[in-house]
N, C-alpha and C. Protein backbone atom coordinates (compact mmCIF):
# COMPACT_ATOMS: atom_id res chain seq x y z
N UNK A 1 -22.74 -25.03 -58.11
CA UNK A 1 -23.91 -24.17 -57.99
C UNK A 1 -23.99 -23.63 -56.57
N UNK A 2 -24.67 -22.48 -56.39
CA UNK A 2 -24.82 -21.97 -55.05
C UNK A 2 -25.45 -23.03 -54.15
N UNK A 3 -24.98 -23.10 -52.92
CA UNK A 3 -25.49 -24.06 -51.97
C UNK A 3 -24.71 -25.36 -51.96
N UNK A 4 -23.72 -25.51 -52.87
CA UNK A 4 -22.88 -26.70 -52.87
C UNK A 4 -22.09 -26.78 -51.59
N UNK A 5 -21.47 -27.92 -51.34
CA UNK A 5 -20.55 -28.03 -50.22
C UNK A 5 -19.48 -26.96 -50.35
N UNK A 6 -19.04 -26.45 -49.26
CA UNK A 6 -18.09 -25.34 -49.25
C UNK A 6 -16.69 -25.82 -48.92
N UNK A 7 -16.37 -27.11 -49.12
CA UNK A 7 -15.09 -27.65 -48.71
C UNK A 7 -13.96 -27.41 -49.70
N UNK A 8 -14.22 -27.56 -50.99
CA UNK A 8 -13.15 -27.53 -51.99
C UNK A 8 -12.40 -26.21 -51.98
N UNK A 9 -13.11 -25.12 -51.90
CA UNK A 9 -12.44 -23.82 -51.94
C UNK A 9 -11.61 -23.60 -50.69
N UNK A 10 -12.06 -24.09 -49.56
CA UNK A 10 -11.31 -23.91 -48.31
C UNK A 10 -10.04 -24.75 -48.30
N UNK A 11 -10.01 -25.82 -49.08
CA UNK A 11 -8.83 -26.68 -49.11
C UNK A 11 -7.69 -26.08 -49.92
N UNK A 12 -7.96 -25.06 -50.71
CA UNK A 12 -6.90 -24.40 -51.46
C UNK A 12 -5.98 -23.70 -50.47
N UNK A 13 -4.72 -23.59 -50.81
CA UNK A 13 -3.77 -22.87 -49.95
C UNK A 13 -4.22 -21.42 -49.79
N UNK A 14 -3.94 -20.83 -48.65
CA UNK A 14 -4.31 -19.43 -48.43
C UNK A 14 -3.57 -18.52 -49.39
N UNK A 15 -2.30 -18.78 -49.63
CA UNK A 15 -1.59 -18.01 -50.64
C UNK A 15 -1.41 -18.90 -51.86
N UNK A 16 -1.49 -18.31 -53.02
CA UNK A 16 -1.40 -19.09 -54.24
C UNK A 16 -0.11 -18.77 -54.98
N UNK A 17 0.44 -19.77 -55.61
CA UNK A 17 1.63 -19.58 -56.42
C UNK A 17 1.32 -19.72 -57.91
N UNK A 18 0.04 -19.69 -58.26
CA UNK A 18 -0.35 -19.84 -59.66
C UNK A 18 0.36 -18.78 -60.50
N UNK A 19 0.86 -19.20 -61.65
CA UNK A 19 1.66 -18.31 -62.50
C UNK A 19 0.86 -17.11 -63.00
N UNK A 20 -0.45 -17.25 -63.15
CA UNK A 20 -1.24 -16.17 -63.73
C UNK A 20 -1.98 -15.35 -62.68
N UNK A 21 -1.53 -15.35 -61.45
CA UNK A 21 -2.20 -14.61 -60.39
C UNK A 21 -2.09 -13.11 -60.64
N UNK A 22 -3.23 -12.44 -60.59
CA UNK A 22 -3.28 -10.99 -60.68
C UNK A 22 -3.61 -10.45 -59.29
N UNK A 23 -2.98 -9.36 -58.89
CA UNK A 23 -3.24 -8.78 -57.58
C UNK A 23 -3.58 -7.30 -57.75
N UNK A 24 -4.56 -6.84 -56.97
CA UNK A 24 -4.99 -5.45 -57.03
C UNK A 24 -5.14 -4.93 -55.60
N UNK A 25 -4.58 -3.78 -55.31
CA UNK A 25 -4.69 -3.16 -54.00
C UNK A 25 -6.04 -2.45 -53.89
N UNK A 26 -6.80 -2.75 -52.84
CA UNK A 26 -8.08 -2.08 -52.60
C UNK A 26 -7.79 -0.89 -51.69
N UNK A 27 -7.99 0.31 -52.21
CA UNK A 27 -7.76 1.51 -51.42
C UNK A 27 -9.07 2.26 -51.24
N UNK A 28 -9.53 2.91 -52.27
CA UNK A 28 -10.81 3.63 -52.17
C UNK A 28 -11.65 3.50 -53.44
N UNK A 29 -11.05 3.20 -54.57
CA UNK A 29 -11.75 3.22 -55.85
C UNK A 29 -12.29 1.84 -56.22
N UNK A 30 -13.50 1.55 -55.76
CA UNK A 30 -14.10 0.25 -56.05
C UNK A 30 -14.44 0.13 -57.54
N UNK A 31 -14.70 1.24 -58.21
CA UNK A 31 -14.99 1.20 -59.64
C UNK A 31 -13.79 0.67 -60.42
N UNK A 32 -12.59 1.12 -60.08
CA UNK A 32 -11.38 0.62 -60.74
C UNK A 32 -11.16 -0.87 -60.42
N UNK A 33 -11.46 -1.27 -59.20
CA UNK A 33 -11.36 -2.68 -58.83
C UNK A 33 -12.31 -3.53 -59.67
N UNK A 34 -13.53 -3.07 -59.85
CA UNK A 34 -14.50 -3.82 -60.67
C UNK A 34 -13.98 -3.99 -62.09
N UNK A 35 -13.38 -2.96 -62.66
CA UNK A 35 -12.82 -3.05 -64.01
C UNK A 35 -11.68 -4.07 -64.04
N UNK A 36 -10.82 -4.05 -63.03
CA UNK A 36 -9.72 -5.00 -62.92
C UNK A 36 -10.24 -6.44 -62.88
N UNK A 37 -11.22 -6.70 -62.02
CA UNK A 37 -11.79 -8.04 -61.87
C UNK A 37 -12.46 -8.48 -63.16
N UNK A 38 -13.26 -7.62 -63.76
CA UNK A 38 -13.96 -7.98 -65.00
C UNK A 38 -12.99 -8.33 -66.12
N UNK A 39 -11.99 -7.49 -66.32
CA UNK A 39 -11.01 -7.75 -67.38
C UNK A 39 -10.22 -9.03 -67.11
N UNK A 40 -9.80 -9.21 -65.87
CA UNK A 40 -9.04 -10.41 -65.53
C UNK A 40 -9.84 -11.68 -65.68
N UNK A 41 -11.09 -11.66 -65.28
CA UNK A 41 -11.95 -12.84 -65.37
C UNK A 41 -12.27 -13.18 -66.83
N UNK A 42 -12.57 -12.16 -67.63
CA UNK A 42 -12.82 -12.40 -69.06
C UNK A 42 -11.58 -12.99 -69.73
N UNK A 43 -10.41 -12.44 -69.42
CA UNK A 43 -9.16 -12.92 -70.02
C UNK A 43 -8.85 -14.36 -69.63
N UNK A 44 -9.39 -14.81 -68.51
CA UNK A 44 -9.15 -16.16 -68.03
C UNK A 44 -10.26 -17.14 -68.39
N UNK A 45 -11.23 -16.68 -69.19
CA UNK A 45 -12.23 -17.58 -69.75
C UNK A 45 -13.55 -17.67 -69.02
N UNK A 46 -13.80 -16.82 -68.03
CA UNK A 46 -15.10 -16.84 -67.36
C UNK A 46 -16.13 -16.23 -68.31
N UNK A 47 -17.26 -16.92 -68.54
CA UNK A 47 -18.30 -16.37 -69.43
C UNK A 47 -18.80 -15.02 -68.93
N UNK A 48 -19.18 -14.16 -69.87
CA UNK A 48 -19.56 -12.77 -69.56
C UNK A 48 -20.63 -12.68 -68.47
N UNK A 49 -21.65 -13.54 -68.52
CA UNK A 49 -22.72 -13.45 -67.51
C UNK A 49 -22.20 -13.81 -66.11
N UNK A 50 -21.19 -14.66 -66.05
CA UNK A 50 -20.60 -15.02 -64.76
C UNK A 50 -19.61 -13.95 -64.31
N UNK A 51 -19.00 -13.24 -65.27
CA UNK A 51 -18.10 -12.13 -64.92
C UNK A 51 -18.88 -11.08 -64.13
N UNK A 52 -20.11 -10.81 -64.55
CA UNK A 52 -20.94 -9.85 -63.83
C UNK A 52 -21.18 -10.29 -62.39
N UNK A 53 -21.42 -11.59 -62.19
CA UNK A 53 -21.64 -12.11 -60.84
C UNK A 53 -20.38 -12.01 -59.99
N UNK A 54 -19.25 -12.38 -60.56
CA UNK A 54 -17.98 -12.28 -59.85
C UNK A 54 -17.70 -10.82 -59.48
N UNK A 55 -17.89 -9.93 -60.42
CA UNK A 55 -17.63 -8.52 -60.18
C UNK A 55 -18.52 -7.98 -59.06
N UNK A 56 -19.78 -8.39 -59.04
CA UNK A 56 -20.69 -7.99 -57.97
C UNK A 56 -20.19 -8.52 -56.63
N UNK A 57 -19.81 -9.79 -56.58
CA UNK A 57 -19.34 -10.39 -55.33
C UNK A 57 -18.09 -9.69 -54.81
N UNK A 58 -17.12 -9.46 -55.67
CA UNK A 58 -15.88 -8.81 -55.24
C UNK A 58 -16.16 -7.37 -54.81
N UNK A 59 -17.03 -6.69 -55.51
CA UNK A 59 -17.39 -5.33 -55.14
C UNK A 59 -18.02 -5.29 -53.74
N UNK A 60 -18.89 -6.24 -53.45
CA UNK A 60 -19.51 -6.30 -52.12
C UNK A 60 -18.46 -6.57 -51.04
N UNK A 61 -17.55 -7.50 -51.31
CA UNK A 61 -16.51 -7.82 -50.33
C UNK A 61 -15.55 -6.65 -50.13
N UNK A 62 -15.17 -5.99 -51.22
CA UNK A 62 -14.25 -4.85 -51.12
C UNK A 62 -14.91 -3.69 -50.38
N UNK A 63 -16.19 -3.47 -50.63
CA UNK A 63 -16.92 -2.42 -49.92
C UNK A 63 -16.93 -2.73 -48.43
N UNK A 64 -17.14 -4.00 -48.09
CA UNK A 64 -17.10 -4.43 -46.69
C UNK A 64 -15.72 -4.13 -46.10
N UNK A 65 -14.67 -4.44 -46.85
CA UNK A 65 -13.31 -4.16 -46.40
C UNK A 65 -13.13 -2.67 -46.13
N UNK A 66 -13.56 -1.83 -47.05
CA UNK A 66 -13.36 -0.39 -46.90
C UNK A 66 -14.18 0.20 -45.76
N UNK A 67 -15.36 -0.39 -45.51
CA UNK A 67 -16.22 0.14 -44.46
C UNK A 67 -15.82 -0.33 -43.06
N UNK A 68 -15.22 -1.52 -42.96
CA UNK A 68 -15.04 -2.12 -41.64
C UNK A 68 -13.59 -2.37 -41.24
N UNK A 69 -12.63 -1.92 -42.05
CA UNK A 69 -11.23 -2.10 -41.70
C UNK A 69 -10.47 -0.80 -41.95
N UNK A 70 -9.25 -0.76 -41.48
CA UNK A 70 -8.37 0.35 -41.82
C UNK A 70 -7.25 -0.22 -42.68
N UNK A 71 -6.76 0.57 -43.58
CA UNK A 71 -5.64 0.14 -44.42
C UNK A 71 -6.03 -0.58 -45.69
N UNK A 72 -7.32 -0.71 -45.96
CA UNK A 72 -7.73 -1.37 -47.20
C UNK A 72 -7.38 -2.84 -47.21
N UNK A 73 -7.20 -3.36 -48.40
CA UNK A 73 -6.89 -4.77 -48.56
C UNK A 73 -6.41 -5.02 -49.97
N UNK A 74 -6.49 -6.24 -50.43
CA UNK A 74 -6.10 -6.55 -51.79
C UNK A 74 -6.91 -7.72 -52.30
N UNK A 75 -6.91 -7.85 -53.61
CA UNK A 75 -7.66 -8.89 -54.31
C UNK A 75 -6.68 -9.68 -55.16
N UNK A 76 -6.79 -11.00 -55.09
CA UNK A 76 -6.00 -11.90 -55.95
C UNK A 76 -6.97 -12.68 -56.80
N UNK A 77 -6.62 -12.87 -58.05
CA UNK A 77 -7.47 -13.56 -59.01
C UNK A 77 -6.61 -14.55 -59.78
N UNK A 78 -7.03 -15.81 -59.87
CA UNK A 78 -6.28 -16.81 -60.61
C UNK A 78 -7.19 -17.95 -61.06
N UNK A 79 -6.67 -18.74 -61.97
CA UNK A 79 -7.42 -19.87 -62.53
C UNK A 79 -6.66 -21.16 -62.23
N UNK A 80 -7.42 -22.17 -61.90
CA UNK A 80 -6.95 -23.54 -61.85
C UNK A 80 -7.86 -24.30 -62.78
N UNK A 81 -7.51 -25.51 -63.19
CA UNK A 81 -8.31 -26.20 -64.21
C UNK A 81 -9.82 -26.17 -63.92
N UNK A 82 -10.54 -25.49 -64.81
CA UNK A 82 -11.99 -25.43 -64.73
C UNK A 82 -12.56 -24.50 -63.67
N UNK A 83 -11.71 -23.79 -62.93
CA UNK A 83 -12.16 -22.96 -61.82
C UNK A 83 -11.46 -21.61 -61.81
N UNK A 84 -12.21 -20.57 -61.48
CA UNK A 84 -11.63 -19.25 -61.25
C UNK A 84 -11.75 -18.96 -59.76
N UNK A 85 -10.65 -18.59 -59.14
CA UNK A 85 -10.61 -18.26 -57.71
C UNK A 85 -10.34 -16.78 -57.54
N UNK A 86 -10.88 -16.23 -56.49
CA UNK A 86 -10.62 -14.84 -56.14
C UNK A 86 -10.59 -14.72 -54.63
N UNK A 87 -9.52 -14.12 -54.12
CA UNK A 87 -9.38 -13.83 -52.70
C UNK A 87 -9.56 -12.33 -52.49
N UNK A 88 -10.30 -11.98 -51.46
CA UNK A 88 -10.35 -10.61 -50.97
C UNK A 88 -9.74 -10.67 -49.58
N UNK A 89 -8.61 -9.99 -49.41
CA UNK A 89 -7.79 -10.11 -48.20
C UNK A 89 -7.73 -8.75 -47.50
N UNK A 90 -7.90 -8.78 -46.17
CA UNK A 90 -7.74 -7.56 -45.39
C UNK A 90 -7.33 -7.92 -43.97
N UNK A 91 -7.23 -6.90 -43.13
CA UNK A 91 -6.84 -7.11 -41.74
C UNK A 91 -8.04 -6.95 -40.81
N UNK A 92 -9.23 -7.15 -41.35
CA UNK A 92 -10.45 -6.99 -40.56
C UNK A 92 -10.87 -8.27 -39.87
N UNK A 93 -12.01 -8.19 -39.19
CA UNK A 93 -12.52 -9.36 -38.47
C UNK A 93 -12.98 -10.44 -39.45
N UNK A 94 -13.04 -11.66 -38.96
CA UNK A 94 -13.52 -12.77 -39.76
C UNK A 94 -14.98 -12.55 -40.13
N UNK A 95 -15.32 -12.79 -41.38
CA UNK A 95 -16.70 -12.65 -41.84
C UNK A 95 -17.48 -13.90 -41.48
N UNK A 96 -18.77 -13.73 -41.25
CA UNK A 96 -19.65 -14.85 -40.96
C UNK A 96 -20.62 -15.01 -42.12
N UNK A 97 -20.57 -16.16 -42.74
CA UNK A 97 -21.49 -16.45 -43.84
C UNK A 97 -22.54 -17.43 -43.34
N UNK A 98 -23.50 -17.73 -44.19
CA UNK A 98 -24.55 -18.67 -43.84
C UNK A 98 -25.77 -18.01 -43.23
N UNK A 99 -25.82 -16.70 -43.32
CA UNK A 99 -26.98 -15.98 -42.81
C UNK A 99 -28.06 -15.93 -43.89
N UNK A 100 -29.28 -15.70 -43.49
CA UNK A 100 -30.33 -15.52 -44.48
C UNK A 100 -30.26 -14.09 -45.01
N UNK A 101 -30.85 -13.89 -46.17
CA UNK A 101 -30.87 -12.57 -46.80
C UNK A 101 -31.72 -11.62 -45.95
N UNK A 102 -31.18 -10.46 -45.58
CA UNK A 102 -31.98 -9.48 -44.84
C UNK A 102 -33.17 -9.02 -45.67
N UNK A 103 -34.15 -8.47 -45.00
CA UNK A 103 -35.35 -7.97 -45.68
C UNK A 103 -34.98 -6.95 -46.74
N UNK A 104 -35.82 -6.84 -47.75
CA UNK A 104 -35.57 -5.93 -48.87
C UNK A 104 -35.42 -4.48 -48.43
N UNK A 105 -36.06 -4.10 -47.34
CA UNK A 105 -35.97 -2.71 -46.88
C UNK A 105 -34.81 -2.48 -45.93
N UNK A 106 -33.99 -3.51 -45.68
CA UNK A 106 -32.82 -3.36 -44.81
C UNK A 106 -31.81 -2.44 -45.47
N UNK A 107 -31.25 -1.53 -44.71
CA UNK A 107 -30.28 -0.58 -45.23
C UNK A 107 -28.92 -1.23 -45.42
N UNK A 108 -28.55 -2.15 -44.54
CA UNK A 108 -27.24 -2.78 -44.57
C UNK A 108 -27.38 -4.29 -44.36
N UNK A 109 -26.28 -4.99 -44.61
CA UNK A 109 -26.23 -6.40 -44.26
C UNK A 109 -26.53 -7.37 -45.38
N UNK A 110 -26.73 -6.88 -46.59
CA UNK A 110 -27.07 -7.77 -47.70
C UNK A 110 -25.84 -8.26 -48.46
N UNK A 111 -24.71 -7.57 -48.34
CA UNK A 111 -23.54 -7.85 -49.16
C UNK A 111 -23.03 -9.27 -49.05
N UNK A 112 -22.82 -9.77 -47.83
CA UNK A 112 -22.28 -11.12 -47.66
C UNK A 112 -23.29 -12.17 -48.13
N UNK A 113 -24.58 -11.92 -47.92
CA UNK A 113 -25.60 -12.86 -48.41
C UNK A 113 -25.61 -12.89 -49.94
N UNK A 114 -25.41 -11.75 -50.58
CA UNK A 114 -25.34 -11.70 -52.03
C UNK A 114 -24.15 -12.52 -52.52
N UNK A 115 -23.00 -12.37 -51.88
CA UNK A 115 -21.80 -13.12 -52.27
C UNK A 115 -22.10 -14.61 -52.26
N UNK A 116 -22.74 -15.09 -51.22
CA UNK A 116 -23.06 -16.52 -51.14
C UNK A 116 -24.03 -16.95 -52.23
N UNK A 117 -24.92 -16.08 -52.60
CA UNK A 117 -25.92 -16.42 -53.62
C UNK A 117 -25.32 -16.52 -55.02
N UNK A 118 -24.33 -15.69 -55.34
CA UNK A 118 -23.84 -15.62 -56.72
C UNK A 118 -22.59 -16.45 -56.99
N UNK A 119 -21.89 -16.91 -55.95
CA UNK A 119 -20.67 -17.69 -56.15
C UNK A 119 -20.95 -19.18 -55.97
N UNK A 120 -20.15 -20.00 -56.63
CA UNK A 120 -20.30 -21.44 -56.48
C UNK A 120 -19.84 -21.91 -55.11
N UNK A 121 -18.80 -21.30 -54.58
CA UNK A 121 -18.30 -21.63 -53.25
C UNK A 121 -17.73 -20.39 -52.59
N UNK A 122 -17.82 -20.35 -51.28
CA UNK A 122 -17.27 -19.25 -50.48
C UNK A 122 -16.63 -19.86 -49.24
N UNK A 123 -15.45 -19.37 -48.89
CA UNK A 123 -14.80 -19.82 -47.66
C UNK A 123 -14.11 -18.62 -47.01
N UNK A 124 -14.01 -18.66 -45.70
CA UNK A 124 -13.29 -17.64 -44.95
C UNK A 124 -12.10 -18.33 -44.30
N UNK A 125 -10.92 -17.81 -44.57
CA UNK A 125 -9.68 -18.37 -44.06
C UNK A 125 -8.97 -17.27 -43.27
N UNK A 126 -8.31 -17.64 -42.20
CA UNK A 126 -7.59 -16.65 -41.40
C UNK A 126 -6.16 -17.09 -41.21
N UNK A 127 -5.28 -16.09 -41.14
CA UNK A 127 -3.87 -16.35 -40.84
C UNK A 127 -3.24 -15.06 -40.37
N UNK A 128 -2.42 -15.12 -39.38
CA UNK A 128 -1.58 -14.02 -38.89
C UNK A 128 -2.19 -12.64 -39.09
N UNK A 129 -3.36 -12.40 -38.54
CA UNK A 129 -3.95 -11.08 -38.60
C UNK A 129 -4.64 -10.74 -39.91
N UNK A 130 -4.72 -11.68 -40.83
CA UNK A 130 -5.40 -11.45 -42.11
C UNK A 130 -6.67 -12.29 -42.17
N UNK A 131 -7.65 -11.73 -42.83
CA UNK A 131 -8.86 -12.48 -43.16
C UNK A 131 -8.91 -12.59 -44.67
N UNK A 132 -9.10 -13.81 -45.16
CA UNK A 132 -9.19 -14.08 -46.59
C UNK A 132 -10.58 -14.62 -46.87
N UNK A 133 -11.33 -13.92 -47.71
CA UNK A 133 -12.58 -14.47 -48.21
C UNK A 133 -12.27 -14.97 -49.61
N UNK A 134 -12.36 -16.29 -49.78
CA UNK A 134 -12.04 -16.92 -51.06
C UNK A 134 -13.34 -17.35 -51.73
N UNK A 135 -13.50 -16.92 -52.97
CA UNK A 135 -14.67 -17.31 -53.74
C UNK A 135 -14.23 -18.07 -54.98
N UNK A 136 -15.12 -18.96 -55.44
CA UNK A 136 -14.84 -19.78 -56.61
C UNK A 136 -16.03 -19.78 -57.52
N UNK A 137 -15.75 -19.68 -58.81
CA UNK A 137 -16.76 -19.84 -59.85
C UNK A 137 -16.21 -20.83 -60.87
N UNK A 138 -17.05 -21.75 -61.30
CA UNK A 138 -16.66 -22.68 -62.35
C UNK A 138 -16.59 -21.93 -63.66
N UNK A 139 -15.58 -22.30 -64.48
CA UNK A 139 -15.44 -21.67 -65.80
C UNK A 139 -16.44 -22.26 -66.77
């Protein structure tokens, strides 16, 4: 549930070798990315109401990537027993989570807070010029 310890997702390897990993390049079309994530999550057994939450979270992260980095990024989606993982990877700065939700009239800054609210776990991992935001939802 949201607010759980954030350790388990961070302990996963930054790159995954799971046989069913799907990868999508984030360029400019966030609508196509949402369709990719929704279809992939449904096919891997995530309940429909949770697919909407995952799709919202990935859309917020991808929008952040497109607004604050150059060169876009990519999304990886895979399942491990009882868990669906999704990485949003780019060459941008490390994201800071754990902030409170900005006021309702705030123009910007709500995306990362939304991600934390709708996912079971969130972790930020860095390696060789890449930032990986890894999210997890229980199946």
